[in-house]
C-alpha atoms as a PDB file:
ATOM      1  CA  MET A   1      26.900  67.994  39.718  1.00  0.00           C
ATOM      2  CA  ALA A   2      30.021  68.093  37.596  1.00  0.00           C
ATOM      3  CA  GLY A   3      31.344  71.551  36.893  1.00  0.00           C
ATOM      4  CA  GLN A   4      29.213  73.260  39.526  1.00  0.00           C
ATOM      5  CA  THR A   5      30.871  75.154  42.343  1.00  0.00           C
ATOM      6  CA  ARG A   6      29.519  75.244  45.868  1.00  0.00           C
ATOM      7  CA  VAL A   7      28.260  78.786  45.203  1.00  0.00           C
ATOM      8  CA  ASP A   8      26.391  77.569  42.106  1.00  0.00           C
ATOM      9  CA  THR A   9      24.822  74.773  44.146  1.00  0.00           C
ATOM     10  CA  VAL A  10      23.721  77.193  46.898  1.00  0.00           C
ATOM     11  CA  MET A  11      22.292  79.610  44.311  1.00  0.00           C
ATOM     12  CA  THR A  12      20.435  76.787  42.551  1.00  0.00           C
ATOM     13  CA  ALA A  13      18.997  75.554  45.856  1.00  0.00           C
ATOM     14  CA  ALA A  14      17.962  79.073  46.878  1.00  0.00           C
ATOM     15  CA  ARG A  15      16.250  79.660  43.518  1.00  0.00           C
ATOM     16  CA  HIS A  16      14.438  76.314  43.820  1.00  0.00           C
ATOM     17  CA  ASN A  17      13.288  77.196  47.341  1.00  0.00           C
ATOM     18  CA  ALA A  18      12.214  80.662  46.185  1.00  0.00           C
ATOM     19  CA  ARG A  19      10.209  79.146  43.315  1.00  0.00           C
ATOM     20  CA  CYS A  20       8.520  76.653  45.663  1.00  0.00           C
ATOM     21  CA  MET A  21       7.683  79.370  48.179  1.00  0.00           C
ATOM     22  CA  LEU A  22       6.283  81.717  45.544  1.00  0.00           C
ATOM     23  CA  ALA A  23       4.269  78.901  43.959  1.00  0.00           C
ATOM     24  CA  THR A  24       2.781  78.027  47.344  1.00  0.00           C
ATOM     25  CA  VAL A  25       1.916  81.651  48.099  1.00  0.00           C
ATOM     26  CA  LEU A  26       0.347  82.108  44.656  1.00  0.00           C
ATOM     27  CA  ASP A  27      -1.376  78.703  44.757  1.00  0.00           C
ATOM     28  CA  LEU A  28       0.302  77.695  41.492  1.00  0.00           C
ATOM     29  CA  ALA A  29       2.367  74.697  40.433  1.00  0.00           C
ATOM     30  CA  ASP A  30       6.136  75.159  40.771  1.00  0.00           C
ATOM     31  CA  ASP A  31       6.576  74.833  37.019  1.00  0.00           C
ATOM     32  CA  ALA A  32       4.120  77.719  36.505  1.00  0.00           C
ATOM     33  CA  ILE A  33       6.689  80.104  38.029  1.00  0.00           C
ATOM     34  CA  PRO A  34       9.131  81.177  35.290  1.00  0.00           C
ATOM     35  CA  ASP A  35      12.701  82.302  35.971  1.00  0.00           C
ATOM     36  CA  SER A  36      11.526  85.752  34.891  1.00  0.00           C
ATOM     37  CA  ALA A  37       8.742  85.944  37.526  1.00  0.00           C
ATOM     38  CA  ARG A  38       8.275  89.509  38.757  1.00  0.00           C
ATOM     39  CA  LEU A  39       5.798  91.331  40.954  1.00  0.00           C
ATOM     40  CA  GLY A  40       2.648  91.425  38.804  1.00  0.00           C
ATOM     41  CA  ASP A  41       3.828  88.647  36.458  1.00  0.00           C
ATOM     42  CA  PRO A  42       2.418  86.090  36.968  1.00  0.00           C
ATOM     43  CA  GLU A  43      -0.778  88.040  37.461  1.00  0.00           C
ATOM     44  CA  ALA A  44      -1.484  86.215  40.737  1.00  0.00           C
ATOM     45  CA  TRP A  45       1.530  88.011  42.265  1.00  0.00           C
ATOM     46  CA  ASP A  46      -0.464  91.041  43.339  1.00  0.00           C
ATOM     47  CA  SER A  47      -0.111  93.222  46.437  1.00  0.00           C
ATOM     48  CA  LEU A  48      -1.986  90.802  48.692  1.00  0.00           C
ATOM     49  CA  ALA A  49       0.111  87.868  47.489  1.00  0.00           C
ATOM     50  CA  HIS A  50       3.200  89.997  48.075  1.00  0.00           C
ATOM     51  CA  LEU A  51       2.196  90.434  51.724  1.00  0.00           C
ATOM     52  CA  ARG A  52       1.687  86.666  52.032  1.00  0.00           C
ATOM     53  CA  LEU A  53       5.139  86.181  50.512  1.00  0.00           C
ATOM     54  CA  ILE A  54       6.708  88.521  53.079  1.00  0.00           C
ATOM     55  CA  LEU A  55       5.012  86.590  55.894  1.00  0.00           C
ATOM     56  CA  ALA A  56       6.186  83.268  54.433  1.00  0.00           C
ATOM     57  CA  LEU A  57       9.759  84.545  54.159  1.00  0.00           C
ATOM     58  CA  GLU A  58       9.710  85.820  57.730  1.00  0.00           C
ATOM     59  CA  ALA A  59       8.297  82.519  59.014  1.00  0.00           C
ATOM     60  CA  THR A  60      10.930  80.549  57.107  1.00  0.00           C
ATOM     61  CA  LEU A  61      13.787  82.752  58.276  1.00  0.00           C
ATOM     62  CA  GLY A  62      12.480  83.076  61.832  1.00  0.00           C
ATOM     63  CA  ARG A  63      12.899  86.841  61.811  1.00  0.00           C
ATOM     64  CA  GLU A  64      11.341  90.008  60.459  1.00  0.00           C
ATOM     65  CA  LEU A  65      12.644  91.382  57.195  1.00  0.00           C
ATOM     66  CA  ASP A  66      14.106  94.864  57.115  1.00  0.00           C
ATOM     67  CA  PRO A  67      11.936  97.470  55.343  1.00  0.00           C
ATOM     68  CA  GLU A  68      14.652  97.771  52.666  1.00  0.00           C
ATOM     69  CA  GLN A  69      14.461  94.036  52.019  1.00  0.00           C
ATOM     70  CA  ILE A  70      10.681  94.139  51.758  1.00  0.00           C
ATOM     71  CA  VAL A  71      10.571  96.937  49.185  1.00  0.00           C
ATOM     72  CA  GLY A  72      13.473  95.330  47.322  1.00  0.00           C
ATOM     73  CA  ILE A  73      11.560  92.136  46.534  1.00  0.00           C
ATOM     74  CA  GLU A  74      10.523  92.491  42.915  1.00  0.00           C
ATOM     75  CA  CYS A  75      11.467  89.193  41.291  1.00  0.00           C
ATOM     76  CA  LEU A  76      12.277  85.540  41.884  1.00  0.00           C
ATOM     77  CA  ASP A  77      15.995  86.292  42.201  1.00  0.00           C
ATOM     78  CA  ASP A  78      15.278  88.809  44.983  1.00  0.00           C
ATOM     79  CA  ILE A  79      13.459  86.101  46.950  1.00  0.00           C
ATOM     80  CA  ALA A  80      16.350  83.691  46.380  1.00  0.00           C
ATOM     81  CA  ALA A  81      18.857  86.308  47.563  1.00  0.00           C
ATOM     82  CA  ILE A  82      16.975  86.749  50.833  1.00  0.00           C
ATOM     83  CA  LEU A  83      16.816  83.002  51.342  1.00  0.00           C
ATOM     84  CA  ARG A  84      20.585  82.737  50.678  1.00  0.00           C
ATOM     85  CA  ALA A  85      21.503  85.499  53.143  1.00  0.00           C
END
């Protein structure tokens, strides 16, 4: 894409992957996950869905998340940041 840096491309890919993962966990369409998605909004992102998200992240990354990472996941950007790391 013209004008996009490699960092922008990586961030865009990570956000896309985060959106797809969250949509799968919440059993929603990808386009039902807004950029502003936060724990509790959409409503389907409850505590049980949050646990499923943690398990999905760990399976994708092939490792356990640190406790600090787990409690730090509050929004779509937090998921993307973990996927980028």
